[in-house]
Each structure stands twice: as C-alpha cells, then as structure tokens.
C-alpha cells in the first residue's frame, strides 16, 4: 500500500473545497512533496506566496493536528522514493556548508538520541533471546546496508558457530543461500531507505519457510516490517546523497554486546585462543619500543 499516494489522492479529492491560498499549497505538495517534507511552514508559505498561518490551517483542513504532523508524514512516506539527485537538492537547505563537519556530526548525534527515545527495550530483549536460541542465524544486507550486515556477521561469527552471512548479487542467489531456513532458525534482514527489494523478498520467503524473521530498519512502516516477527528501528535520515548509518550501527553494536554478555565464557575462550594465534602470526602491530 502506497500511503504517500493515498495522501496525494486525499489532497486532490479536496481541491475544490480549498481556498485560493490552500490550492497553492496543495498544488505545491502534490508536485513537490519531496521538497515540502523538509520545509518549515514559514518557508513553504514563502515558496507559494501565502502566510505561515495559511499553511498551518491547510494542515488542519486535511486532518492533521498542526503542520509538523503533516511534515512528519511526508518525511516518513517519501524518503524511500527520493533519488540521489533529489537528496542533494534537499540537503543543500539543511546542512550548514560553512561548518559542514559540525553540522553532520550534530545531525548524527540527534539520530542516536531519537533512536534511544523510540526504541522498544522489551522487543530488543526478545530479539536477543531469539538469536540465542536459533539453530542457524542468517544475516541479510545489500547495497548500503551490506557493511552493517558484514559488521554484525563478523562479531556473531566470534560468538556463534551457526552464522551465515548471505552474500548476493541477485534475488535468486539470496534464495539459494536461505533455502534451508526453517522454524528453528532466525533470519535478520537489514535495510534502510531506499529499501532493497532483494532483502524484502528474501524476508518474505524466510517468513513463509517458518523462520523467525528480525528486521533492522528505520520505522514500523518499512516494507521489511511487513514480514518480520520482530522489528528494531534506528533513525537513518539522509545526509546529502549519503544515508546516515550511525544510529543503525550503534543499535547493531548494542545487539552484539547484549548477545555477547549472554555467552561470556564462550567469548572469553574464543578470544584467548585468538590472541595466541594473532601473536604467533603477527596479525597486529605491537607497541613495543626498543
């Protein structure tokens, strides 16, 4: 279901009832909803030639309790549709280029803070238990989410002996690698806007096979959530053409630590052996000084 399209249809169906100023706003949202989602009420008003109060009344007129609620819906429902070119245009209004480093780091800090406020701790705990009880753990993540999947897979392989990091270049390859998933297994799918169809389809396939499906994504309306038994969310709003994956990585890091604490002795033994191997084969630079 395309909720963004439903909102546009709702605005279009009400067009005859709008005042002259409201029609200007409506037409702008219909044709430029990607830009409207990141405009304040005052800026949107300036863009179309109406007052800020007219924009606020328009939001109320179409059923929202204030303009920020309309803006939030537009952000959530259109961000998966934005092309890289559109992202660059929008971000130019959001990032302070005179102090870009501070601006980007501040945005990332805000994403982690919002993620912490919104995360469901009990659901997080349920995911940890599902992973600990799984016969096999499959991890799916492609394109920009591939590094997240790789990070999770790297550390889970130090904790478990039953981890499969699914590497693919096509949907069929993904299916081939999870063909044996069953009700005793956990399939972890990771994807953020723009969502990967390969990951969504593979999670649907795993769900039909009876596996416990865990989605790591940005919100509960994500297409990954439709086929997931458990969903853990992290903010990943865009920064220019780049997706910010700081908060998702932090959540995955927390997941690794939480699982690791449940298997402390196993991890201790593993790393004790690894340290001997690393030392013998000179894996790391030493800090010894002559």
C-alpha atoms as a PDB file:
ATOM      1  CA  UNK A   1       0.000   0.000   0.000  1.00  0.00           C
ATOM      2  CA  UNK A   2       1.427   3.380  -1.030  1.00  0.00           C
ATOM      3  CA  UNK A   3       0.425   5.706   1.784  1.00  0.00           C
ATOM      4  CA  UNK A   4       2.133   8.652   0.138  1.00  0.00           C
ATOM      5  CA  UNK A   5      -0.045   8.172  -2.946  1.00  0.00           C
ATOM      6  CA  UNK A   6      -3.118   7.955  -0.672  1.00  0.00           C
ATOM      7  CA  UNK A   7      -2.227  11.327   0.885  1.00  0.00           C
ATOM      8  CA  UNK A   8      -1.832  12.902  -2.549  1.00  0.00           C
ATOM      9  CA  UNK A   9      -5.168  11.431  -3.636  1.00  0.00           C
ATOM     10  CA  UNK A  10      -6.797  12.841  -0.499  1.00  0.00           C
ATOM     11  CA  UNK A  11      -5.464  16.324  -1.244  1.00  0.00           C
ATOM     12  CA  UNK A  12      -6.550  16.071  -4.876  1.00  0.00           C
ATOM     13  CA  UNK A  13     -10.072  14.986  -3.901  1.00  0.00           C
ATOM     14  CA  UNK A  14     -10.440  18.029  -1.630  1.00  0.00           C
ATOM     15  CA  UNK A  15      -9.095  20.553  -4.142  1.00  0.00           C
ATOM     16  CA  UNK A  16     -12.496  22.077  -4.963  1.00  0.00           C
ATOM     17  CA  UNK A  17     -13.103  22.882  -1.278  1.00  0.00           C
ATOM     18  CA  UNK A  18      -9.836  24.731  -0.735  1.00  0.00           C
ATOM     19  CA  UNK A  19      -9.416  28.488  -0.666  1.00  0.00           C
ATOM     20  CA  UNK A  20      -7.166  30.148  -3.259  1.00  0.00           C
ATOM     21  CA  UNK A  21      -4.189  30.098  -0.887  1.00  0.00           C
ATOM     22  CA  UNK A  22      -4.802  26.494   0.134  1.00  0.00           C
ATOM     23  CA  UNK A  23      -4.907  25.445  -3.516  1.00  0.00           C
ATOM     24  CA  UNK A  24      -1.466  26.940  -3.997  1.00  0.00           C
ATOM     25  CA  UNK A  25      -0.177  24.878  -1.071  1.00  0.00           C
ATOM     26  CA  UNK A  26      -1.964  21.752  -2.265  1.00  0.00           C
ATOM     27  CA  UNK A  27      -0.534  22.002  -5.766  1.00  0.00           C
ATOM     28  CA  UNK A  28       2.968  22.510  -4.427  1.00  0.00           C
ATOM     29  CA  UNK A  29       2.727  19.427  -2.171  1.00  0.00           C
ATOM     30  CA  UNK A  30       1.292  17.320  -4.992  1.00  0.00           C
ATOM     31  CA  UNK A  31       4.069  18.304  -7.400  1.00  0.00           C
ATOM     32  CA  UNK A  32       6.962  18.745  -4.955  1.00  0.00           C
ATOM     33  CA  UNK A  33       6.183  16.616  -1.891  1.00  0.00           C
ATOM     34  CA  UNK A  34       9.865  15.663  -1.722  1.00  0.00           C
ATOM     35  CA  UNK A  35      10.783  19.300  -1.051  1.00  0.00           C
ATOM     36  CA  UNK A  36       7.723  20.145   1.073  1.00  0.00           C
ATOM     37  CA  UNK A  37       8.635  17.430   3.601  1.00  0.00           C
ATOM     38  CA  UNK A  38      11.758  19.380   4.577  1.00  0.00           C
ATOM     39  CA  UNK A  39      10.295  22.880   4.601  1.00  0.00           C
ATOM     40  CA  UNK A  40       9.044  24.735   7.651  1.00  0.00           C
ATOM     41  CA  UNK A  41       5.533  26.173   7.467  1.00  0.00           C
ATOM     42  CA  UNK A  42       7.034  29.644   7.007  1.00  0.00           C
ATOM     43  CA  UNK A  43       9.330  28.525   4.189  1.00  0.00           C
ATOM     44  CA  UNK A  44       6.538  26.676   2.398  1.00  0.00           C
ATOM     45  CA  UNK A  45       4.367  29.781   2.714  1.00  0.00           C
ATOM     46  CA  UNK A  46       7.109  31.962   1.211  1.00  0.00           C
ATOM     47  CA  UNK A  47       7.579  29.468  -1.632  1.00  0.00           C
ATOM     48  CA  UNK A  48       3.940  29.607  -2.756  1.00  0.00           C
ATOM     49  CA  UNK A  49       3.136  33.184  -1.678  1.00  0.00           C
ATOM     50  CA  UNK A  50       0.894  32.679   1.362  1.00  0.00           C
ATOM     51  CA  UNK A  51       1.269  33.301   5.085  1.00  0.00           C
ATOM     52  CA  UNK A  52       2.632  30.791   7.582  1.00  0.00           C
ATOM     53  CA  UNK A  53      -0.779  30.688   9.287  1.00  0.00           C
ATOM     54  CA  UNK A  54      -2.412  29.668   5.981  1.00  0.00           C
ATOM     55  CA  UNK A  55      -0.046  26.697   5.753  1.00  0.00           C
ATOM     56  CA  UNK A  56      -0.907  25.676   9.313  1.00  0.00           C
ATOM     57  CA  UNK A  57      -4.640  25.951   8.607  1.00  0.00           C
ATOM     58  CA  UNK A  58      -4.177  23.851   5.467  1.00  0.00           C
ATOM     59  CA  UNK A  59      -2.643  21.048   7.555  1.00  0.00           C
ATOM     60  CA  UNK A  60      -5.621  21.223   9.916  1.00  0.00           C
ATOM     61  CA  UNK A  61      -8.031  21.246   6.978  1.00  0.00           C
ATOM     62  CA  UNK A  62      -6.745  17.901   5.668  1.00  0.00           C
ATOM     63  CA  UNK A  63      -6.892  16.241   9.078  1.00  0.00           C
ATOM     64  CA  UNK A  64      -3.563  16.900  10.771  1.00  0.00           C
ATOM     65  CA  UNK A  65      -3.121  18.309  14.256  1.00  0.00           C
ATOM     66  CA  UNK A  66      -0.736  21.024  13.111  1.00  0.00           C
ATOM     67  CA  UNK A  67       1.767  21.385  10.301  1.00  0.00           C
ATOM     68  CA  UNK A  68       4.572  19.358  11.989  1.00  0.00           C
ATOM     69  CA  UNK A  69       2.324  16.260  11.875  1.00  0.00           C
ATOM     70  CA  UNK A  70       1.809  16.693   8.120  1.00  0.00           C
ATOM     71  CA  UNK A  71       5.521  17.304   7.652  1.00  0.00           C
ATOM     72  CA  UNK A  72       6.403  14.163   9.626  1.00  0.00           C
ATOM     73  CA  UNK A  73       4.100  12.013   7.486  1.00  0.00           C
ATOM     74  CA  UNK A  74       5.587  13.428   4.290  1.00  0.00           C
ATOM     75  CA  UNK A  75       9.112  12.715   5.555  1.00  0.00           C
ATOM     76  CA  UNK A  76       8.349   9.135   6.504  1.00  0.00           C
ATOM     77  CA  UNK A  77       6.374   8.335   3.386  1.00  0.00           C
ATOM     78  CA  UNK A  78       8.556   9.884   0.709  1.00  0.00           C
ATOM     79  CA  UNK A  79      12.133   9.323   1.801  1.00  0.00           C
ATOM     80  CA  UNK A  80      12.307   5.869   0.234  1.00  0.00           C
ATOM     81  CA  UNK A  81      11.302   7.416  -3.100  1.00  0.00           C
ATOM     82  CA  UNK A  82      13.918  10.151  -3.271  1.00  0.00           C
ATOM     83  CA  UNK A  83      16.587   9.815  -5.915  1.00  0.00           C
ATOM     84  CA  UNK A  84      20.184  10.748  -5.138  1.00  0.00           C
ATOM     85  CA  UNK A  85      19.766  13.958  -7.142  1.00  0.00           C
ATOM     86  CA  UNK A  86      16.697  14.941  -5.099  1.00  0.00           C
ATOM     87  CA  UNK A  87      18.583  14.202  -1.888  1.00  0.00           C
ATOM     88  CA  UNK A  88      21.402  16.541  -2.864  1.00  0.00           C
ATOM     89  CA  UNK A  89      18.943  19.358  -3.646  1.00  0.00           C
ATOM     90  CA  UNK A  90      17.109  18.955  -0.336  1.00  0.00           C
ATOM     91  CA  UNK A  91      20.201  18.574   1.815  1.00  0.00           C
ATOM     92  CA  UNK A  92      21.662  21.828   0.475  1.00  0.00           C
ATOM     93  CA  UNK A  93      18.990  23.617   2.524  1.00  0.00           C
ATOM     94  CA  UNK A  94      19.621  21.537   5.658  1.00  0.00           C
ATOM     95  CA  UNK A  95      23.393  21.407   6.008  1.00  0.00           C
ATOM     96  CA  UNK A  96      25.468  24.383   7.048  1.00  0.00           C
ATOM     97  CA  UNK A  97      28.260  24.272   4.484  1.00  0.00           C
ATOM     98  CA  UNK A  98      30.297  26.844   6.413  1.00  0.00           C
ATOM     99  CA  UNK A  99      30.669  24.318   9.234  1.00  0.00           C
ATOM    100  CA  UNK A 100      29.854  21.057   7.480  1.00  0.00           C
ATOM    101  CA  UNK A 101      31.755  18.794   9.889  1.00  0.00           C
ATOM    102  CA  UNK A 102      29.906  20.122  12.926  1.00  0.00           C
ATOM    103  CA  UNK A 103      26.585  20.079  11.075  1.00  0.00           C
ATOM    104  CA  UNK A 104      26.851  16.422  10.009  1.00  0.00           C
ATOM    105  CA  UNK A 105      28.123  15.230  13.400  1.00  0.00           C
ATOM    106  CA  UNK A 106      25.316  17.111  15.161  1.00  0.00           C
ATOM    107  CA  UNK A 107      22.752  15.502  12.868  1.00  0.00           C
ATOM    108  CA  UNK A 108      24.187  12.059  13.663  1.00  0.00           C
ATOM    109  CA  UNK A 109      24.060  12.771  17.396  1.00  0.00           C
ATOM    110  CA  UNK A 110      20.407  13.733  17.047  1.00  0.00           C
ATOM    111  CA  UNK A 111      19.642  10.487  15.213  1.00  0.00           C
ATOM    112  CA  UNK A 112      21.155   8.416  18.008  1.00  0.00           C
ATOM    113  CA  UNK A 113      19.218  10.432  20.599  1.00  0.00           C
ATOM    114  CA  UNK A 114      15.919   9.952  18.738  1.00  0.00           C
ATOM    115  CA  UNK A 115      16.664   6.250  18.290  1.00  0.00           C
ATOM    116  CA  UNK A 116      17.242   5.860  22.022  1.00  0.00           C
ATOM    117  CA  UNK A 117      13.954   7.623  22.773  1.00  0.00           C
ATOM    118  CA  UNK A 118      11.964   5.473  20.349  1.00  0.00           C
ATOM    119  CA  UNK A 119      13.500   2.011  20.723  1.00  0.00           C
ATOM    120  CA  UNK A 120      11.434  -0.742  22.361  1.00  0.00           C
ATOM    121  CA  UNK A 121      13.604  -2.335  25.052  1.00  0.00           C
ATOM    122  CA  UNK A 122      11.379  -5.376  25.568  1.00  0.00           C
ATOM    123  CA  UNK A 123      11.369  -6.058  21.833  1.00  0.00           C
ATOM    124  CA  UNK A 124      15.154  -5.701  21.801  1.00  0.00           C
ATOM    125  CA  UNK A 125      15.360  -8.308  24.584  1.00  0.00           C
ATOM    126  CA  UNK A 126      13.067 -10.673  22.658  1.00  0.00           C
ATOM    127  CA  UNK A 127      15.331 -10.403  19.629  1.00  0.00           C
ATOM    128  CA  UNK A 128      18.362 -11.274  21.754  1.00  0.00           C
ATOM    129  CA  UNK A 129      16.609 -14.389  23.078  1.00  0.00           C
ATOM    130  CA  UNK A 130      15.524 -15.465  19.596  1.00  0.00           C
ATOM    131  CA  UNK A 131      19.112 -15.192  18.358  1.00  0.00           C
ATOM    132  CA  UNK A 132      20.489 -17.141  21.314  1.00  0.00           C
ATOM    133  CA  UNK A 133      18.009 -19.974  20.709  1.00  0.00           C
ATOM    134  CA  UNK A 134      18.424 -20.177  16.920  1.00  0.00           C
ATOM    135  CA  UNK A 135      19.753 -23.274  15.224  1.00  0.00           C
ATOM    136  CA  UNK A 136      21.114 -21.141  12.365  1.00  0.00           C
ATOM    137  CA  UNK A 137      21.398 -17.363  12.126  1.00  0.00           C
ATOM    138  CA  UNK A 138      21.100 -15.868   8.643  1.00  0.00           C
ATOM    139  CA  UNK A 139      22.110 -12.217   8.100  1.00  0.00           C
ATOM    140  CA  UNK A 140      20.887 -10.324   5.015  1.00  0.00           C
ATOM    141  CA  UNK A 141      22.006  -6.871   3.936  1.00  0.00           C
ATOM    142  CA  UNK A 142      22.835  -5.494   0.498  1.00  0.00           C
ATOM    143  CA  UNK A 143      23.972  -2.229  -1.084  1.00  0.00           C
ATOM    144  CA  UNK A 144      24.450   0.471   1.585  1.00  0.00           C
ATOM    145  CA  UNK A 145      23.312  -1.973   4.286  1.00  0.00           C
ATOM    146  CA  UNK A 146      25.969  -4.539   3.331  1.00  0.00           C
ATOM    147  CA  UNK A 147      28.588  -3.025   5.694  1.00  0.00           C
ATOM    148  CA  UNK A 148      26.096  -3.271   8.569  1.00  0.00           C
ATOM    149  CA  UNK A 149      25.412  -6.928   7.775  1.00  0.00           C
ATOM    150  CA  UNK A 150      29.149  -7.599   7.481  1.00  0.00           C
ATOM    151  CA  UNK A 151      29.858  -5.936  10.841  1.00  0.00           C
ATOM    152  CA  UNK A 152      27.128  -7.971  12.538  1.00  0.00           C
ATOM    153  CA  UNK A 153      28.289 -11.157  10.836  1.00  0.00           C
ATOM    154  CA  UNK A 154      31.939 -10.598  11.781  1.00  0.00           C
ATOM    155  CA  UNK A 155      31.215 -10.414  15.516  1.00  0.00           C
ATOM    156  CA  UNK A 156      28.456 -13.029  15.529  1.00  0.00           C
ATOM    157  CA  UNK A 157      30.939 -15.455  13.977  1.00  0.00           C
ATOM    158  CA  UNK A 158      33.130 -14.950  17.045  1.00  0.00           C
ATOM    159  CA  UNK A 159      30.199 -15.704  19.331  1.00  0.00           C
ATOM    160  CA  UNK A 160      28.378 -18.483  17.431  1.00  0.00           C
ATOM    161  CA  UNK A 161      29.236 -21.422  15.200  1.00  0.00           C
ATOM    162  CA  UNK A 162      25.982 -21.206  13.245  1.00  0.00           C
ATOM    163  CA  UNK A 163      26.093 -17.866  11.416  1.00  0.00           C
ATOM    164  CA  UNK A 164      25.589 -17.416   7.675  1.00  0.00           C
ATOM    165  CA  UNK A 165      26.247 -14.021   6.168  1.00  0.00           C
ATOM    166  CA  UNK A 166      24.316 -14.052   2.899  1.00  0.00           C
ATOM    167  CA  UNK A 167      26.359 -12.600   0.023  1.00  0.00           C
ATOM    168  CA  UNK A 168      24.365 -11.975  -3.141  1.00  0.00           C
ATOM    169  CA  UNK A 169      24.191 -10.113  -6.404  1.00  0.00           C
ATOM    170  CA  UNK A 170      20.676 -11.288  -7.292  1.00  0.00           C
ATOM    171  CA  UNK A 171      17.389 -12.349  -5.728  1.00  0.00           C
ATOM    172  CA  UNK A 172      17.871 -15.947  -6.861  1.00  0.00           C
ATOM    173  CA  UNK A 173      21.272 -16.147  -5.148  1.00  0.00           C
ATOM    174  CA  UNK A 174      19.731 -14.875  -1.931  1.00  0.00           C
ATOM    175  CA  UNK A 175      17.001 -17.523  -2.104  1.00  0.00           C
ATOM    176  CA  UNK A 176      19.583 -20.217  -2.766  1.00  0.00           C
ATOM    177  CA  UNK A 177      21.504 -19.305   0.385  1.00  0.00           C
ATOM    178  CA  UNK A 178      18.452 -19.320   2.651  1.00  0.00           C
ATOM    179  CA  UNK A 179      16.642 -22.253   1.029  1.00  0.00           C
ATOM    180  CA  UNK A 180      17.110 -24.414   4.129  1.00  0.00           C
ATOM    181  CA  UNK A 181      15.818 -21.827   6.630  1.00  0.00           C
ATOM    182  CA  UNK A 182      13.266 -23.364   8.987  1.00  0.00           C
ATOM    183  CA  UNK A 183      11.234 -22.633  12.113  1.00  0.00           C
ATOM    184  CA  UNK A 184      14.320 -23.288  14.249  1.00  0.00           C
ATOM    185  CA  UNK A 185      16.275 -20.504  12.530  1.00  0.00           C
ATOM    186  CA  UNK A 186      16.477 -16.724  12.741  1.00  0.00           C
ATOM    187  CA  UNK A 187      16.771 -14.554   9.636  1.00  0.00           C
ATOM    188  CA  UNK A 188      17.972 -10.984  10.262  1.00  0.00           C
ATOM    189  CA  UNK A 189      17.238  -8.557   7.428  1.00  0.00           C
ATOM    190  CA  UNK A 190      18.828  -5.094   7.369  1.00  0.00           C
ATOM    191  CA  UNK A 191      17.670  -2.333   5.027  1.00  0.00           C
ATOM    192  CA  UNK A 192      17.094   1.410   5.135  1.00  0.00           C
ATOM    193  CA  UNK A 193      15.704   3.845   2.561  1.00  0.00           C
ATOM    194  CA  UNK A 194      15.878   3.314  -0.307  1.00  0.00           C
ATOM    195  CA  UNK A 195      14.799  -0.199   0.709  1.00  0.00           C
ATOM    196  CA  UNK A 196      16.274  -3.172  -1.127  1.00  0.00           C
ATOM    197  CA  UNK A 197      13.685  -5.311  -2.921  1.00  0.00           C
ATOM    198  CA  UNK A 198      16.074  -8.256  -2.676  1.00  0.00           C
ATOM    199  CA  UNK A 199      16.075  -8.069   1.105  1.00  0.00           C
ATOM    200  CA  UNK A 200      12.299  -7.576   1.319  1.00  0.00           C
ATOM    201  CA  UNK A 201      11.630 -10.564  -0.959  1.00  0.00           C
ATOM    202  CA  UNK A 202      14.092 -12.774   0.896  1.00  0.00           C
ATOM    203  CA  UNK A 203      12.494 -11.939   4.241  1.00  0.00           C
ATOM    204  CA  UNK A 204       9.055 -12.797   2.837  1.00  0.00           C
ATOM    205  CA  UNK A 205      10.498 -16.108   1.626  1.00  0.00           C
ATOM    206  CA  UNK A 206      12.041 -16.822   5.061  1.00  0.00           C
ATOM    207  CA  UNK A 207       8.766 -15.979   6.788  1.00  0.00           C
ATOM    208  CA  UNK A 208       6.924 -18.448   4.562  1.00  0.00           C
ATOM    209  CA  UNK A 209       9.510 -21.083   5.462  1.00  0.00           C
ATOM    210  CA  UNK A 210       8.603 -20.628   9.128  1.00  0.00           C
ATOM    211  CA  UNK A 211      11.801 -18.946  10.295  1.00  0.00           C
ATOM    212  CA  UNK A 212      11.775 -16.219  12.942  1.00  0.00           C
ATOM    213  CA  UNK A 213      12.335 -13.026  10.983  1.00  0.00           C
ATOM    214  CA  UNK A 214      14.003  -9.963  12.509  1.00  0.00           C
ATOM    215  CA  UNK A 215      14.001  -6.611  10.704  1.00  0.00           C
ATOM    216  CA  UNK A 216      16.535  -3.891  11.425  1.00  0.00           C
ATOM    217  CA  UNK A 217      15.160  -0.830   9.656  1.00  0.00           C
ATOM    218  CA  UNK A 218      14.147   2.793  10.146  1.00  0.00           C
ATOM    219  CA  UNK A 219      10.449   2.643  11.059  1.00  0.00           C
ATOM    220  CA  UNK A 220       7.467   0.357  11.559  1.00  0.00           C
ATOM    221  CA  UNK A 221       6.041   1.313   8.152  1.00  0.00           C
ATOM    222  CA  UNK A 222       9.136  -0.025   6.417  1.00  0.00           C
ATOM    223  CA  UNK A 223       8.412  -2.817   3.890  1.00  0.00           C
ATOM    224  CA  UNK A 224      10.768  -5.021   5.925  1.00  0.00           C
ATOM    225  CA  UNK A 225       8.393  -4.822   8.874  1.00  0.00           C
ATOM    226  CA  UNK A 226       5.552  -6.468   6.928  1.00  0.00           C
ATOM    227  CA  UNK A 227       7.158  -9.907   7.108  1.00  0.00           C
ATOM    228  CA  UNK A 228       9.014  -9.578  10.415  1.00  0.00           C
ATOM    229  CA  UNK A 229       8.245 -11.215  13.759  1.00  0.00           C
ATOM    230  CA  UNK A 230      10.404  -8.610  15.490  1.00  0.00           C
ATOM    231  CA  UNK A 231      11.346  -5.108  14.336  1.00  0.00           C
ATOM    232  CA  UNK A 232      14.077  -2.942  15.779  1.00  0.00           C
ATOM    233  CA  UNK A 233      14.220   0.619  14.479  1.00  0.00           C
ATOM    234  CA  UNK A 234      17.004   3.157  14.165  1.00  0.00           C
ATOM    235  CA  UNK A 235      16.968   6.614  12.604  1.00  0.00           C
ATOM    236  CA  UNK A 236      18.748   6.838   9.263  1.00  0.00           C
ATOM    237  CA  UNK A 237      17.698  10.165   7.767  1.00  0.00           C
ATOM    238  CA  UNK A 238      19.736  11.244   4.816  1.00  0.00           C
ATOM    239  CA  UNK A 239      22.762  13.499   4.813  1.00  0.00           C
ATOM    240  CA  UNK A 240      23.065  14.700   1.224  1.00  0.00           C
ATOM    241  CA  UNK A 241      23.216  11.682  -1.144  1.00  0.00           C
ATOM    242  CA  UNK A 242      24.625   9.599   1.742  1.00  0.00           C
ATOM    243  CA  UNK A 243      22.492   7.599   4.172  1.00  0.00           C
ATOM    244  CA  UNK A 244      23.491   8.181   7.768  1.00  0.00           C
ATOM    245  CA  UNK A 245      24.051   4.729   9.268  1.00  0.00           C
ATOM    246  CA  UNK A 246      25.471   5.886  12.599  1.00  0.00           C
ATOM    247  CA  UNK A 247      22.357   5.072  14.642  1.00  0.00           C
ATOM    248  CA  UNK A 248      21.763   1.694  12.914  1.00  0.00           C
ATOM    249  CA  UNK A 249      25.383   0.714  13.567  1.00  0.00           C
ATOM    250  CA  UNK A 250      25.030   1.751  17.205  1.00  0.00           C
ATOM    251  CA  UNK A 251      21.917  -0.426  17.593  1.00  0.00           C
ATOM    252  CA  UNK A 252      23.689  -3.367  15.949  1.00  0.00           C
ATOM    253  CA  UNK A 253      26.637  -2.800  18.258  1.00  0.00           C
ATOM    254  CA  UNK A 254      24.260  -2.945  21.241  1.00  0.00           C
ATOM    255  CA  UNK A 255      22.771  -6.167  19.875  1.00  0.00           C
ATOM    256  CA  UNK A 256      26.233  -7.745  19.620  1.00  0.00           C
ATOM    257  CA  UNK A 257      27.124  -6.679  23.165  1.00  0.00           C
ATOM    258  CA  UNK A 258      23.799  -7.924  24.565  1.00  0.00           C
ATOM    259  CA  UNK A 259      24.200 -11.324  22.908  1.00  0.00           C
ATOM    260  CA  UNK A 260      27.858 -11.473  23.898  1.00  0.00           C
ATOM    261  CA  UNK A 261      27.101 -10.894  27.569  1.00  0.00           C
ATOM    262  CA  UNK A 262      24.869 -13.959  27.491  1.00  0.00           C
ATOM    263  CA  UNK A 263      27.801 -16.028  26.202  1.00  0.00           C
ATOM    264  CA  UNK A 264      30.668 -14.509  28.161  1.00  0.00           C
ATOM    265  CA  UNK A 265      32.591 -17.725  28.802  1.00  0.00           C
ATOM    266  CA  UNK A 266      32.453 -18.764  25.157  1.00  0.00           C
ATOM    267  CA  UNK A 267      33.724 -15.353  24.069  1.00  0.00           C
ATOM    268  CA  UNK A 268      36.484 -15.430  26.678  1.00  0.00           C
ATOM    269  CA  UNK A 269      37.679 -18.824  25.431  1.00  0.00           C
ATOM    270  CA  UNK A 270      37.464 -17.730  21.799  1.00  0.00           C
ATOM    271  CA  UNK A 271      39.489 -14.589  22.290  1.00  0.00           C
ATOM    272  CA  UNK A 272      42.034 -16.343  24.483  1.00  0.00           C
ATOM    273  CA  UNK A 273      42.725 -18.703  21.582  1.00  0.00           C
ATOM    274  CA  UNK A 274      42.650 -15.903  19.022  1.00  0.00           C
ATOM    275  CA  UNK A 275      45.180 -13.831  20.964  1.00  0.00           C
ATOM    276  CA  UNK A 276      47.646 -16.725  20.785  1.00  0.00           C
ATOM    277  CA  UNK A 277      47.068 -17.063  17.032  1.00  0.00           C
ATOM    278  CA  UNK A 278      47.324 -13.321  16.423  1.00  0.00           C
ATOM    279  CA  UNK A 279      50.564 -13.193  18.388  1.00  0.00           C
ATOM    280  CA  UNK A 280      52.057 -16.218  16.646  1.00  0.00           C
ATOM    281  CA  UNK A 281      51.264 -14.955  13.144  1.00  0.00           C
ATOM    282  CA  UNK A 282      51.984 -11.279  13.891  1.00  0.00           C
ATOM    283  CA  UNK A 283      48.471 -10.184  12.914  1.00  0.00           C
ATOM    284  CA  UNK A 284      48.699  -6.844  14.718  1.00  0.00           C
ATOM    285  CA  UNK A 285      51.390  -4.258  15.067  1.00  0.00           C
ATOM    286  CA  UNK A 286      52.965  -4.278  18.505  1.00  0.00           C
ATOM    287  CA  UNK A 287      53.596  -1.145  20.540  1.00  0.00           C
ATOM    288  CA  UNK A 288      56.886  -2.404  21.938  1.00  0.00           C
ATOM    289  CA  UNK A 289      59.681   0.150  21.753  1.00  0.00           C
ATOM    290  CA  UNK A 290      63.386  -0.560  21.577  1.00  0.00           C
END
